[in-house]
Amino acid sequence: MYNQQQPVTPARFRRKANAPLQGQAEVPDSEERAGNEHIRELLKAFGLRTSLIRLKVIDALHMADRHGRSIGVRGVHSQLEQLDIPLSFLSVREVLKRLCAEGVISLGSDKCYSLNPEARAVLDGSAR
């Protein structure tokens, strides 16, 4: 039966749901999980559950920290947009607030977030 709510895509434009887009390298799940293991340990150390948005937000903050910077909500959101991670600005802001409330990150007077020393120690300690 024809579903009027679902858009019709010509057969030549269809692709398998799990097939990588042209020009993008496929990264196996096990490699991505291994790359996020230090962030998973950090979340566990602070008693937080792992979620995709928390992994990505903490990764963005960790990259900024490695470059000696702190970034605000807009900076985190734009960095995730550049990586084609479709998260709303509000979602990013809520995750940052929660991480701040749990002591993983801190909000500076310039409205920029940075990793707390304890979180940095967990991330740097597990990277060795």
PDB file of N, CA and C in Angstrom:
ATOM      1  N   MET A   1       0.831  -1.166   0.000  1.00  0.00           N
ATOM      2  CA  MET A   1       0.000   0.000   0.000  1.00  0.00           C
ATOM      3  C   MET A   1       0.887   1.244   0.000  1.00  0.00           C
ATOM      4  N   TYR A   2       0.494   2.262  -0.706  1.00  0.00           N
ATOM      5  CA  TYR A   2       1.238   3.501  -0.837  1.00  0.00           C
ATOM      6  C   TYR A   2       1.093   4.354   0.420  1.00  0.00           C
ATOM      7  N   ASN A   3       2.172   4.801   0.966  1.00  0.00           N
ATOM      8  CA  ASN A   3       2.173   5.645   2.156  1.00  0.00           C
ATOM      9  C   ASN A   3       2.385   7.090   1.718  1.00  0.00           C
ATOM     10  N   GLN A   4       1.372   7.917   1.885  1.00  0.00           N
ATOM     11  CA  GLN A   4       1.453   9.304   1.439  1.00  0.00           C
ATOM     12  C   GLN A   4       2.373  10.145   2.321  1.00  0.00           C
ATOM     13  N   GLN A   5       2.621   9.709   3.517  1.00  0.00           N
ATOM     14  CA  GLN A   5       3.464  10.462   4.436  1.00  0.00           C
ATOM     15  C   GLN A   5       4.947  10.303   4.129  1.00  0.00           C
ATOM     16  N   GLN A   6       5.305   9.216   3.474  1.00  0.00           N
ATOM     17  CA  GLN A   6       6.701   8.923   3.205  1.00  0.00           C
ATOM     18  C   GLN A   6       7.080   9.459   1.834  1.00  0.00           C
ATOM     19  N   PRO A   7       8.192  10.222   1.726  1.00  0.00           N
ATOM     20  CA  PRO A   7       8.602  10.742   0.424  1.00  0.00           C
ATOM     21  C   PRO A   7       9.056   9.602  -0.488  1.00  0.00           C
ATOM     22  N   VAL A   8       8.831   9.788  -1.760  1.00  0.00           N
ATOM     23  CA  VAL A   8       9.209   8.781  -2.743  1.00  0.00           C
ATOM     24  C   VAL A   8      10.604   9.119  -3.255  1.00  0.00           C
ATOM     25  N   THR A   9      11.519   8.156  -3.170  1.00  0.00           N
ATOM     26  CA  THR A   9      12.874   8.330  -3.657  1.00  0.00           C
ATOM     27  C   THR A   9      13.079   7.412  -4.852  1.00  0.00           C
ATOM     28  N   PRO A  10      13.512   7.959  -5.994  1.00  0.00           N
ATOM     29  CA  PRO A  10      13.768   7.098  -7.149  1.00  0.00           C
ATOM     30  C   PRO A  10      14.800   6.023  -6.809  1.00  0.00           C
ATOM     31  N   ALA A  11      14.672   4.876  -7.443  1.00  0.00           N
ATOM     32  CA  ALA A  11      15.539   3.727  -7.152  1.00  0.00           C
ATOM     33  C   ALA A  11      17.009   4.056  -7.345  1.00  0.00           C
ATOM     34  N   ARG A  12      17.350   4.911  -8.282  1.00  0.00           N
ATOM     35  CA  ARG A  12      18.775   5.191  -8.532  1.00  0.00           C
ATOM     36  C   ARG A  12      19.424   5.990  -7.404  1.00  0.00           C
ATOM     37  N   PHE A  13      18.599   6.655  -6.545  1.00  0.00           N
ATOM     38  CA  PHE A  13      19.146   7.427  -5.439  1.00  0.00           C
ATOM     39  C   PHE A  13      19.108   6.678  -4.121  1.00  0.00           C
ATOM     40  N   ARG A  14      18.496   5.526  -4.098  1.00  0.00           N
ATOM     41  CA  ARG A  14      18.418   4.757  -2.857  1.00  0.00           C
ATOM     42  C   ARG A  14      19.748   4.091  -2.575  1.00  0.00           C
ATOM     43  N   ARG A  15      20.026   3.961  -1.311  1.00  0.00           N
ATOM     44  CA  ARG A  15      21.205   3.204  -0.893  1.00  0.00           C
ATOM     45  C   ARG A  15      20.816   2.422   0.339  1.00  0.00           C
ATOM     46  N   LYS A  16      21.591   1.421   0.641  1.00  0.00           N
ATOM     47  CA  LYS A  16      21.321   0.632   1.836  1.00  0.00           C
ATOM     48  C   LYS A  16      21.505   1.510   3.058  1.00  0.00           C
ATOM     49  N   ALA A  17      20.725   1.254   4.083  1.00  0.00           N
ATOM     50  CA  ALA A  17      20.736   2.092   5.283  1.00  0.00           C
ATOM     51  C   ALA A  17      22.115   2.168   5.927  1.00  0.00           C
ATOM     52  N   ASN A  18      22.857   1.081   5.933  1.00  0.00           N
ATOM     53  CA  ASN A  18      24.163   1.065   6.592  1.00  0.00           C
ATOM     54  C   ASN A  18      25.320   1.268   5.628  1.00  0.00           C
ATOM     55  N   ALA A  19      25.030   1.486   4.360  1.00  0.00           N
ATOM     56  CA  ALA A  19      26.098   1.671   3.371  1.00  0.00           C
ATOM     57  C   ALA A  19      26.720   3.051   3.550  1.00  0.00           C
ATOM     58  N   PRO A  20      28.051   3.157   3.459  1.00  0.00           N
ATOM     59  CA  PRO A  20      28.688   4.464   3.610  1.00  0.00           C
ATOM     60  C   PRO A  20      28.390   5.337   2.394  1.00  0.00           C
ATOM     61  N   LEU A  21      28.374   6.640   2.618  1.00  0.00           N
ATOM     62  CA  LEU A  21      28.201   7.566   1.514  1.00  0.00           C
ATOM     63  C   LEU A  21      29.443   7.542   0.646  1.00  0.00           C
ATOM     64  N   GLN A  22      29.290   7.914  -0.609  1.00  0.00           N
ATOM     65  CA  GLN A  22      30.423   7.936  -1.518  1.00  0.00           C
ATOM     66  C   GLN A  22      31.458   8.920  -1.022  1.00  0.00           C
ATOM     67  N   GLY A  23      32.714   8.532  -1.043  1.00  0.00           N
ATOM     68  CA  GLY A  23      33.783   9.413  -0.627  1.00  0.00           C
ATOM     69  C   GLY A  23      34.045   9.401   0.869  1.00  0.00           C
ATOM     70  N   GLN A  24      33.253   8.671   1.646  1.00  0.00           N
ATOM     71  CA  GLN A  24      33.482   8.591   3.078  1.00  0.00           C
ATOM     72  C   GLN A  24      34.026   7.212   3.423  1.00  0.00           C
ATOM     73  N   ALA A  25      35.059   7.198   4.222  1.00  0.00           N
ATOM     74  CA  ALA A  25      35.625   5.925   4.643  1.00  0.00           C
ATOM     75  C   ALA A  25      34.756   5.342   5.747  1.00  0.00           C
ATOM     76  N   GLU A  26      34.541   4.059   5.688  1.00  0.00           N
ATOM     77  CA  GLU A  26      33.738   3.400   6.707  1.00  0.00           C
ATOM     78  C   GLU A  26      34.628   3.049   7.882  1.00  0.00           C
ATOM     79  N   VAL A  27      34.230   3.477   9.075  1.00  0.00           N
ATOM     80  CA  VAL A  27      34.977   3.192  10.292  1.00  0.00           C
ATOM     81  C   VAL A  27      34.225   2.113  11.050  1.00  0.00           C
ATOM     82  N   PRO A  28      34.858   0.969  11.275  1.00  0.00           N
ATOM     83  CA  PRO A  28      34.180  -0.083  12.023  1.00  0.00           C
ATOM     84  C   PRO A  28      33.814   0.385  13.422  1.00  0.00           C
ATOM     85  N   ASP A  29      32.681  -0.128  13.931  1.00  0.00           N
ATOM     86  CA  ASP A  29      32.201   0.257  15.257  1.00  0.00           C
ATOM     87  C   ASP A  29      33.239  -0.015  16.333  1.00  0.00           C
ATOM     88  N   SER A  30      33.969  -1.117  16.199  1.00  0.00           N
ATOM     89  CA  SER A  30      34.942  -1.467  17.232  1.00  0.00           C
ATOM     90  C   SER A  30      36.058  -0.424  17.321  1.00  0.00           C
ATOM     91  N   GLU A  31      36.473   0.146  16.170  1.00  0.00           N
ATOM     92  CA  GLU A  31      37.510   1.177  16.194  1.00  0.00           C
ATOM     93  C   GLU A  31      36.995   2.450  16.841  1.00  0.00           C
ATOM     94  N   GLU A  32      35.753   2.833  16.511  1.00  0.00           N
ATOM     95  CA  GLU A  32      35.191   4.041  17.092  1.00  0.00           C
ATOM     96  C   GLU A  32      35.008   3.863  18.586  1.00  0.00           C
ATOM     97  N   ARG A  33      34.551   2.683  18.999  1.00  0.00           N
ATOM     98  CA  ARG A  33      34.362   2.426  20.422  1.00  0.00           C
ATOM     99  C   ARG A  33      35.700   2.469  21.154  1.00  0.00           C
ATOM    100  N   ALA A  34      36.746   1.921  20.548  1.00  0.00           N
ATOM    101  CA  ALA A  34      38.064   1.933  21.172  1.00  0.00           C
ATOM    102  C   ALA A  34      38.572   3.365  21.315  1.00  0.00           C
ATOM    103  N   GLY A  35      38.280   4.218  20.340  1.00  0.00           N
ATOM    104  CA  GLY A  35      38.700   5.607  20.400  1.00  0.00           C
ATOM    105  C   GLY A  35      37.976   6.395  21.474  1.00  0.00           C
ATOM    106  N   ASN A  36      36.780   5.939  21.830  1.00  0.00           N
ATOM    107  CA  ASN A  36      35.988   6.632  22.847  1.00  0.00           C
ATOM    108  C   ASN A  36      36.136   6.019  24.229  1.00  0.00           C
ATOM    109  N   GLU A  37      36.948   5.004  24.367  1.00  0.00           N
ATOM    110  CA  GLU A  37      37.038   4.281  25.632  1.00  0.00           C
ATOM    111  C   GLU A  37      37.483   5.185  26.782  1.00  0.00           C
ATOM    112  N   HIS A  38      38.412   6.107  26.530  1.00  0.00           N
ATOM    113  CA  HIS A  38      38.865   7.008  27.587  1.00  0.00           C
ATOM    114  C   HIS A  38      37.746   7.941  28.053  1.00  0.00           C
ATOM    115  N   ILE A  39      36.864   8.331  27.128  1.00  0.00           N
ATOM    116  CA  ILE A  39      35.741   9.190  27.503  1.00  0.00           C
ATOM    117  C   ILE A  39      34.708   8.370  28.268  1.00  0.00           C
ATOM    118  N   ARG A  40      34.520   7.115  27.877  1.00  0.00           N
ATOM    119  CA  ARG A  40      33.612   6.235  28.612  1.00  0.00           C
ATOM    120  C   ARG A  40      34.085   6.055  30.061  1.00  0.00           C
ATOM    121  N   GLU A  41      35.398   5.884  30.228  1.00  0.00           N
ATOM    122  CA  GLU A  41      35.963   5.756  31.573  1.00  0.00           C
ATOM    123  C   GLU A  41      35.731   7.024  32.383  1.00  0.00           C
ATOM    124  N   LEU A  42      35.863   8.171  31.737  1.00  0.00           N
ATOM    125  CA  LEU A  42      35.634   9.446  32.407  1.00  0.00           C
ATOM    126  C   LEU A  42      34.189   9.548  32.895  1.00  0.00           C
ATOM    127  N   LEU A  43      33.246   9.239  32.015  1.00  0.00           N
ATOM    128  CA  LEU A  43      31.837   9.298  32.400  1.00  0.00           C
ATOM    129  C   LEU A  43      31.534   8.340  33.545  1.00  0.00           C
ATOM    130  N   LYS A  44      32.115   7.159  33.476  1.00  0.00           N
ATOM    131  CA  LYS A  44      31.906   6.168  34.529  1.00  0.00           C
ATOM    132  C   LYS A  44      32.495   6.657  35.858  1.00  0.00           C
ATOM    133  N   ALA A  45      33.657   7.300  35.798  1.00  0.00           N
ATOM    134  CA  ALA A  45      34.301   7.812  37.014  1.00  0.00           C
ATOM    135  C   ALA A  45      33.444   8.881  37.687  1.00  0.00           C
ATOM    136  N   PHE A  46      32.672   9.623  36.898  1.00  0.00           N
ATOM    137  CA  PHE A  46      31.802  10.664  37.455  1.00  0.00           C
ATOM    138  C   PHE A  46      30.375  10.164  37.668  1.00  0.00           C
ATOM    139  N   GLY A  47      30.144   8.875  37.456  1.00  0.00           N
ATOM    140  CA  GLY A  47      28.833   8.292  37.706  1.00  0.00           C
ATOM    141  C   GLY A  47      27.786   8.638  36.667  1.00  0.00           C
ATOM    142  N   LEU A  48      28.213   8.929  35.448  1.00  0.00           N
ATOM    143  CA  LEU A  48      27.286   9.287  34.369  1.00  0.00           C
ATOM    144  C   LEU A  48      27.184   8.160  33.361  1.00  0.00           C
ATOM    145  N   ARG A  49      26.002   8.028  32.773  1.00  0.00           N
ATOM    146  CA  ARG A  49      25.821   7.043  31.713  1.00  0.00           C
ATOM    147  C   ARG A  49      26.429   7.570  30.420  1.00  0.00           C
ATOM    148  N   THR A  50      26.826   6.641  29.578  1.00  0.00           N
ATOM    149  CA  THR A  50      27.399   7.000  28.283  1.00  0.00           C
ATOM    150  C   THR A  50      26.289   7.257  27.282  1.00  0.00           C
ATOM    151  N   SER A  51      26.410   8.367  26.562  1.00  0.00           N
ATOM    152  CA  SER A  51      25.501   8.644  25.461  1.00  0.00           C
ATOM    153  C   SER A  51      26.326   9.237  24.321  1.00  0.00           C
ATOM    154  N   LEU A  52      25.804   9.131  23.119  1.00  0.00           N
ATOM    155  CA  LEU A  52      26.529   9.628  21.951  1.00  0.00           C
ATOM    156  C   LEU A  52      26.818  11.123  22.074  1.00  0.00           C
ATOM    157  N   ILE A  53      25.831  11.883  22.510  1.00  0.00           N
ATOM    158  CA  ILE A  53      26.028  13.329  22.600  1.00  0.00           C
ATOM    159  C   ILE A  53      27.078  13.682  23.651  1.00  0.00           C
ATOM    160  N   ARG A  54      27.096  12.957  24.776  1.00  0.00           N
ATOM    161  CA  ARG A  54      28.123  13.220  25.792  1.00  0.00           C
ATOM    162  C   ARG A  54      29.504  12.872  25.265  1.00  0.00           C
ATOM    163  N   LEU A  55      29.612  11.760  24.546  1.00  0.00           N
ATOM    164  CA  LEU A  55      30.897  11.377  23.965  1.00  0.00           C
ATOM    165  C   LEU A  55      31.412  12.463  23.026  1.00  0.00           C
ATOM    166  N   LYS A  56      30.535  12.959  22.161  1.00  0.00           N
ATOM    167  CA  LYS A  56      30.948  13.948  21.169  1.00  0.00           C
ATOM    168  C   LYS A  56      31.275  15.291  21.805  1.00  0.00           C
ATOM    169  N   VAL A  57      30.480  15.711  22.785  1.00  0.00           N
ATOM    170  CA  VAL A  57      30.721  16.996  23.448  1.00  0.00           C
ATOM    171  C   VAL A  57      32.033  16.949  24.226  1.00  0.00           C
ATOM    172  N   ILE A  58      32.265  15.879  24.969  1.00  0.00           N
ATOM    173  CA  ILE A  58      33.513  15.773  25.732  1.00  0.00           C
ATOM    174  C   ILE A  58      34.707  15.674  24.794  1.00  0.00           C
ATOM    175  N   ASP A  59      34.552  14.981  23.684  1.00  0.00           N
ATOM    176  CA  ASP A  59      35.638  14.901  22.700  1.00  0.00           C
ATOM    177  C   ASP A  59      35.971  16.291  22.160  1.00  0.00           C
ATOM    178  N   ALA A  60      34.949  17.093  21.862  1.00  0.00           N
ATOM    179  CA  ALA A  60      35.178  18.455  21.366  1.00  0.00           C
ATOM    180  C   ALA A  60      35.899  19.304  22.419  1.00  0.00           C
ATOM    181  N   LEU A  61      35.484  19.172  23.673  1.00  0.00           N
ATOM    182  CA  LEU A  61      36.138  19.915  24.752  1.00  0.00           C
ATOM    183  C   LEU A  61      37.574  19.445  24.968  1.00  0.00           C
ATOM    184  N   HIS A  62      37.789  18.145  24.838  1.00  0.00           N
ATOM    185  CA  HIS A  62      39.134  17.592  25.016  1.00  0.00           C
ATOM    186  C   HIS A  62      40.073  18.073  23.903  1.00  0.00           C
ATOM    187  N   MET A  63      39.561  18.118  22.673  1.00  0.00           N
ATOM    188  CA  MET A  63      40.386  18.621  21.561  1.00  0.00           C
ATOM    189  C   MET A  63      40.740  20.091  21.785  1.00  0.00           C
ATOM    190  N   ALA A  64      39.783  20.883  22.234  1.00  0.00           N
ATOM    191  CA  ALA A  64      40.053  22.289  22.518  1.00  0.00           C
ATOM    192  C   ALA A  64      41.076  22.419  23.642  1.00  0.00           C
ATOM    193  N   ASP A  65      40.939  21.576  24.662  1.00  0.00           N
ATOM    194  CA  ASP A  65      41.852  21.595  25.794  1.00  0.00           C
ATOM    195  C   ASP A  65      43.280  21.259  25.366  1.00  0.00           C
ATOM    196  N   ARG A  66      43.412  20.305  24.451  1.00  0.00           N
ATOM    197  CA  ARG A  66      44.740  19.940  23.959  1.00  0.00           C
ATOM    198  C   ARG A  66      45.395  21.081  23.202  1.00  0.00           C
ATOM    199  N   HIS A  67      44.575  21.983  22.649  1.00  0.00           N
ATOM    200  CA  HIS A  67      45.100  23.152  21.940  1.00  0.00           C
ATOM    201  C   HIS A  67      45.181  24.374  22.863  1.00  0.00           C
ATOM    202  N   GLY A  68      44.951  24.165  24.163  1.00  0.00           N
ATOM    203  CA  GLY A  68      45.065  25.233  25.139  1.00  0.00           C
ATOM    204  C   GLY A  68      43.925  26.240  25.095  1.00  0.00           C
ATOM    205  N   ARG A  69      42.761  25.818  24.643  1.00  0.00           N
ATOM    206  CA  ARG A  69      41.618  26.726  24.545  1.00  0.00           C
ATOM    207  C   ARG A  69      40.456  26.203  25.370  1.00  0.00           C
ATOM    208  N   SER A  70      39.531  27.095  25.649  1.00  0.00           N
ATOM    209  CA  SER A  70      38.225  26.700  26.178  1.00  0.00           C
ATOM    210  C   SER A  70      37.204  27.246  25.193  1.00  0.00           C
ATOM    211  N   ILE A  71      36.076  26.555  25.047  1.00  0.00           N
ATOM    212  CA  ILE A  71      35.093  26.968  24.047  1.00  0.00           C
ATOM    213  C   ILE A  71      33.707  27.052  24.661  1.00  0.00           C
ATOM    214  N   GLY A  72      32.886  27.891  24.063  1.00  0.00           N
ATOM    215  CA  GLY A  72      31.528  28.078  24.527  1.00  0.00           C
ATOM    216  C   GLY A  72      30.563  27.137  23.822  1.00  0.00           C
ATOM    217  N   VAL A  73      29.288  27.327  24.105  1.00  0.00           N
ATOM    218  CA  VAL A  73      28.260  26.463  23.537  1.00  0.00           C
ATOM    219  C   VAL A  73      28.290  26.546  22.018  1.00  0.00           C
ATOM    220  N   ARG A  74      28.387  27.759  21.492  1.00  0.00           N
ATOM    221  CA  ARG A  74      28.403  27.923  20.024  1.00  0.00           C
ATOM    222  C   ARG A  74      29.615  27.243  19.403  1.00  0.00           C
ATOM    223  N   GLY A  75      30.742  27.328  20.073  1.00  0.00           N
ATOM    224  CA  GLY A  75      31.954  26.690  19.565  1.00  0.00           C
ATOM    225  C   GLY A  75      31.821  25.174  19.516  1.00  0.00           C
ATOM    226  N   VAL A  76      31.273  24.598  20.584  1.00  0.00           N
ATOM    227  CA  VAL A  76      31.061  23.148  20.619  1.00  0.00           C
ATOM    228  C   VAL A  76      30.067  22.742  19.533  1.00  0.00           C
ATOM    229  N   HIS A  77      28.966  23.491  19.440  1.00  0.00           N
ATOM    230  CA  HIS A  77      27.928  23.171  18.457  1.00  0.00           C
ATOM    231  C   HIS A  77      28.473  23.280  17.039  1.00  0.00           C
ATOM    232  N   SER A  78      29.212  24.327  16.732  1.00  0.00           N
ATOM    233  CA  SER A  78      29.743  24.469  15.368  1.00  0.00           C
ATOM    234  C   SER A  78      30.791  23.405  15.058  1.00  0.00           C
ATOM    235  N   GLN A  79      31.560  23.008  16.064  1.00  0.00           N
ATOM    236  CA  GLN A  79      32.547  21.944  15.852  1.00  0.00           C
ATOM    237  C   GLN A  79      31.836  20.624  15.525  1.00  0.00           C
ATOM    238  N   LEU A  80      30.732  20.341  16.210  1.00  0.00           N
ATOM    239  CA  LEU A  80      29.969  19.127  15.938  1.00  0.00           C
ATOM    240  C   LEU A  80      29.290  19.203  14.573  1.00  0.00           C
ATOM    241  N   GLU A  81      28.827  20.389  14.187  1.00  0.00           N
ATOM    242  CA  GLU A  81      28.226  20.565  12.863  1.00  0.00           C
ATOM    243  C   GLU A  81      29.245  20.304  11.760  1.00  0.00           C
ATOM    244  N   GLN A  82      30.477  20.752  11.960  1.00  0.00           N
ATOM    245  CA  GLN A  82      31.537  20.526  10.972  1.00  0.00           C
ATOM    246  C   GLN A  82      31.824  19.039  10.791  1.00  0.00           C
ATOM    247  N   LEU A  83      31.583  18.269  11.839  1.00  0.00           N
ATOM    248  CA  LEU A  83      31.794  16.820  11.770  1.00  0.00           C
ATOM    249  C   LEU A  83      30.542  16.082  11.298  1.00  0.00           C
ATOM    250  N   ASP A  84      29.535  16.832  10.839  1.00  0.00           N
ATOM    251  CA  ASP A  84      28.264  16.271  10.370  1.00  0.00           C
ATOM    252  C   ASP A  84      27.545  15.476  11.450  1.00  0.00           C
ATOM    253  N   ILE A  85      27.594  15.992  12.669  1.00  0.00           N
ATOM    254  CA  ILE A  85      26.863  15.377  13.772  1.00  0.00           C
ATOM    255  C   ILE A  85      25.638  16.247  14.025  1.00  0.00           C
ATOM    256  N   PRO A  86      24.457  15.746  13.671  1.00  0.00           N
ATOM    257  CA  PRO A  86      23.249  16.574  13.726  1.00  0.00           C
ATOM    258  C   PRO A  86      22.664  16.690  15.139  1.00  0.00           C
ATOM    259  N   LEU A  87      23.199  17.594  15.927  1.00  0.00           N
ATOM    260  CA  LEU A  87      22.683  17.838  17.271  1.00  0.00           C
ATOM    261  C   LEU A  87      22.226  19.284  17.355  1.00  0.00           C
ATOM    262  N   SER A  88      21.100  19.507  18.009  1.00  0.00           N
ATOM    263  CA  SER A  88      20.585  20.870  18.123  1.00  0.00           C
ATOM    264  C   SER A  88      21.425  21.669  19.114  1.00  0.00           C
ATOM    265  N   PHE A  89      21.363  22.974  18.952  1.00  0.00           N
ATOM    266  CA  PHE A  89      22.068  23.876  19.851  1.00  0.00           C
ATOM    267  C   PHE A  89      21.589  23.670  21.290  1.00  0.00           C
ATOM    268  N   LEU A  90      20.278  23.507  21.457  1.00  0.00           N
ATOM    269  CA  LEU A  90      19.717  23.306  22.799  1.00  0.00           C
ATOM    270  C   LEU A  90      20.215  22.016  23.437  1.00  0.00           C
ATOM    271  N   SER A  91      20.329  20.953  22.639  1.00  0.00           N
ATOM    272  CA  SER A  91      20.835  19.679  23.171  1.00  0.00           C
ATOM    273  C   SER A  91      22.269  19.824  23.658  1.00  0.00           C
ATOM    274  N   VAL A  92      23.078  20.501  22.872  1.00  0.00           N
ATOM    275  CA  VAL A  92      24.478  20.713  23.257  1.00  0.00           C
ATOM    276  C   VAL A  92      24.532  21.537  24.545  1.00  0.00           C
ATOM    277  N   ARG A  93      23.726  22.575  24.629  1.00  0.00           N
ATOM    278  CA  ARG A  93      23.720  23.426  25.818  1.00  0.00           C
ATOM    279  C   ARG A  93      23.295  22.649  27.062  1.00  0.00           C
ATOM    280  N   GLU A  94      22.280  21.800  26.935  1.00  0.00           N
ATOM    281  CA  GLU A  94      21.807  21.011  28.078  1.00  0.00           C
ATOM    282  C   GLU A  94      22.865  20.014  28.541  1.00  0.00           C
ATOM    283  N   VAL A  95      23.554  19.388  27.585  1.00  0.00           N
ATOM    284  CA  VAL A  95      24.616  18.443  27.950  1.00  0.00           C
ATOM    285  C   VAL A  95      25.742  19.177  28.661  1.00  0.00           C
ATOM    286  N   LEU A  96      26.117  20.345  28.166  1.00  0.00           N
ATOM    287  CA  LEU A  96      27.168  21.119  28.818  1.00  0.00           C
ATOM    288  C   LEU A  96      26.755  21.519  30.237  1.00  0.00           C
ATOM    289  N   LYS A  97      25.495  21.916  30.416  1.00  0.00           N
ATOM    290  CA  LYS A  97      25.010  22.263  31.764  1.00  0.00           C
ATOM    291  C   LYS A  97      25.098  21.073  32.702  1.00  0.00           C
ATOM    292  N   ARG A  98      24.685  19.899  32.205  1.00  0.00           N
ATOM    293  CA  ARG A  98      24.711  18.688  33.044  1.00  0.00           C
ATOM    294  C   ARG A  98      26.131  18.288  33.400  1.00  0.00           C
ATOM    295  N   LEU A  99      27.039  18.339  32.428  1.00  0.00           N
ATOM    296  CA  LEU A  99      28.434  17.994  32.697  1.00  0.00           C
ATOM    297  C   LEU A  99      29.044  18.974  33.700  1.00  0.00           C
ATOM    298  N   CYS A 100      28.619  20.224  33.603  1.00  0.00           N
ATOM    299  CA  CYS A 100      29.095  21.243  34.543  1.00  0.00           C
ATOM    300  C   CYS A 100      28.558  20.964  35.947  1.00  0.00           C
ATOM    301  N   ALA A 101      27.286  20.617  36.035  1.00  0.00           N
ATOM    302  CA  ALA A 101      26.667  20.321  37.328  1.00  0.00           C
ATOM    303  C   ALA A 101      27.292  19.101  37.992  1.00  0.00           C
ATOM    304  N   GLU A 102      27.737  18.145  37.185  1.00  0.00           N
ATOM    305  CA  GLU A 102      28.346  16.919  37.723  1.00  0.00           C
ATOM    306  C   GLU A 102      29.828  17.079  38.009  1.00  0.00           C
ATOM    307  N   GLY A 103      30.421  18.223  37.654  1.00  0.00           N
ATOM    308  CA  GLY A 103      31.821  18.479  37.955  1.00  0.00           C
ATOM    309  C   GLY A 103      32.808  17.984  36.916  1.00  0.00           C
ATOM    310  N   VAL A 104      32.330  17.581  35.758  1.00  0.00           N
ATOM    311  CA  VAL A 104      33.235  17.112  34.703  1.00  0.00           C
ATOM    312  C   VAL A 104      33.906  18.301  34.030  1.00  0.00           C
ATOM    313  N   ILE A 105      33.151  19.368  33.824  1.00  0.00           N
ATOM    314  CA  ILE A 105      33.666  20.572  33.188  1.00  0.00           C
ATOM    315  C   ILE A 105      33.324  21.773  34.061  1.00  0.00           C
ATOM    316  N   SER A 106      33.928  22.903  33.742  1.00  0.00           N
ATOM    317  CA  SER A 106      33.609  24.125  34.477  1.00  0.00           C
ATOM    318  C   SER A 106      33.339  25.252  33.492  1.00  0.00           C
ATOM    319  N   LEU A 107      32.490  26.176  33.922  1.00  0.00           N
ATOM    320  CA  LEU A 107      32.128  27.331  33.123  1.00  0.00           C
ATOM    321  C   LEU A 107      32.917  28.524  33.622  1.00  0.00           C
ATOM    322  N   GLY A 108      33.681  29.115  32.713  1.00  0.00           N
ATOM    323  CA  GLY A 108      34.478  30.281  33.087  1.00  0.00           C
ATOM    324  C   GLY A 108      33.671  31.560  33.027  1.00  0.00           C
ATOM    325  N   SER A 109      34.270  32.645  33.500  1.00  0.00           N
ATOM    326  CA  SER A 109      33.589  33.944  33.498  1.00  0.00           C
ATOM    327  C   SER A 109      33.343  34.445  32.081  1.00  0.00           C
ATOM    328  N   ASP A 110      34.091  33.910  31.126  1.00  0.00           N
ATOM    329  CA  ASP A 110      33.927  34.297  29.716  1.00  0.00           C
ATOM    330  C   ASP A 110      32.889  33.439  29.004  1.00  0.00           C
ATOM    331  N   LYS A 111      32.097  32.658  29.779  1.00  0.00           N
ATOM    332  CA  LYS A 111      31.038  31.778  29.246  1.00  0.00           C
ATOM    333  C   LYS A 111      31.610  30.648  28.381  1.00  0.00           C
ATOM    334  N   CYS A 112      32.855  30.295  28.623  1.00  0.00           N
ATOM    335  CA  CYS A 112      33.482  29.188  27.919  1.00  0.00           C
ATOM    336  C   CYS A 112      33.675  28.019  28.876  1.00  0.00           C
ATOM    337  N   TYR A 113      33.576  26.825  28.330  1.00  0.00           N
ATOM    338  CA  TYR A 113      33.700  25.604  29.125  1.00  0.00           C
ATOM    339  C   TYR A 113      35.082  25.004  28.948  1.00  0.00           C
ATOM    340  N   SER A 114      35.569  24.386  30.010  1.00  0.00           N
ATOM    341  CA  SER A 114      36.841  23.665  29.950  1.00  0.00           C
ATOM    342  C   SER A 114      36.753  22.467  30.889  1.00  0.00           C
ATOM    343  N   LEU A 115      37.587  21.481  30.620  1.00  0.00           N
ATOM    344  CA  LEU A 115      37.625  20.284  31.456  1.00  0.00           C
ATOM    345  C   LEU A 115      38.182  20.615  32.833  1.00  0.00           C
ATOM    346  N   ASN A 116      37.608  20.013  33.860  1.00  0.00           N
ATOM    347  CA  ASN A 116      38.144  20.163  35.205  1.00  0.00           C
ATOM    348  C   ASN A 116      39.438  19.358  35.312  1.00  0.00           C
ATOM    349  N   PRO A 117      40.320  19.724  36.245  1.00  0.00           N
ATOM    350  CA  PRO A 117      41.584  18.993  36.380  1.00  0.00           C
ATOM    351  C   PRO A 117      41.407  17.489  36.599  1.00  0.00           C
ATOM    352  N   GLU A 118      40.374  17.098  37.370  1.00  0.00           N
ATOM    353  CA  GLU A 118      40.144  15.670  37.619  1.00  0.00           C
ATOM    354  C   GLU A 118      39.776  14.957  36.321  1.00  0.00           C
ATOM    355  N   ALA A 119      38.926  15.597  35.528  1.00  0.00           N
ATOM    356  CA  ALA A 119      38.508  14.994  34.254  1.00  0.00           C
ATOM    357  C   ALA A 119      39.696  14.917  33.291  1.00  0.00           C
ATOM    358  N   ARG A 120      40.493  15.972  33.280  1.00  0.00           N
ATOM    359  CA  ARG A 120      41.675  15.988  32.416  1.00  0.00           C
ATOM    360  C   ARG A 120      42.639  14.869  32.806  1.00  0.00           C
ATOM    361  N   ALA A 121      42.781  14.656  34.123  1.00  0.00           N
ATOM    362  CA  ALA A 121      43.669  13.599  34.606  1.00  0.00           C
ATOM    363  C   ALA A 121      43.160  12.221  34.174  1.00  0.00           C
ATOM    364  N   VAL A 122      41.840  12.010  34.227  1.00  0.00           N
ATOM    365  CA  VAL A 122      41.280  10.725  33.792  1.00  0.00           C
ATOM    366  C   VAL A 122      41.521  10.516  32.306  1.00  0.00           C
ATOM    367  N   LEU A 123      41.281  11.564  31.505  1.00  0.00           N
ATOM    368  CA  LEU A 123      41.459  11.444  30.051  1.00  0.00           C
ATOM    369  C   LEU A 123      42.935  11.251  29.688  1.00  0.00           C
ATOM    370  N   ASP A 124      43.817  12.017  30.312  1.00  0.00           N
ATOM    371  CA  ASP A 124      45.243  11.908  29.998  1.00  0.00           C
ATOM    372  C   ASP A 124      45.842  10.624  30.557  1.00  0.00           C
ATOM    373  N   GLY A 125      45.352  10.193  31.713  1.00  0.00           N
ATOM    374  CA  GLY A 125      45.874   8.970  32.327  1.00  0.00           C
ATOM    375  C   GLY A 125      45.515   7.737  31.537  1.00  0.00           C
ATOM    376  N   SER A 126      44.330   7.705  30.947  1.00  0.00           N
ATOM    377  CA  SER A 126      43.907   6.533  30.176  1.00  0.00           C
ATOM    378  C   SER A 126      44.448   6.560  28.772  1.00  0.00           C
ATOM    379  N   ALA A 127      44.991   7.707  28.336  1.00  0.00           N
ATOM    380  CA  ALA A 127      45.547   7.794  26.984  1.00  0.00           C
ATOM    381  C   ALA A 127      46.929   7.188  26.921  1.00  0.00           C
ATOM    382  N   ARG A 128      47.538   6.980  28.090  1.00  0.00           N
ATOM    383  CA  ARG A 128      48.914   6.444  28.103  1.00  0.00           C
ATOM    384  C   ARG A 128      48.930   4.955  27.996  1.00  0.00           C
TER     385      ARG A 128
END
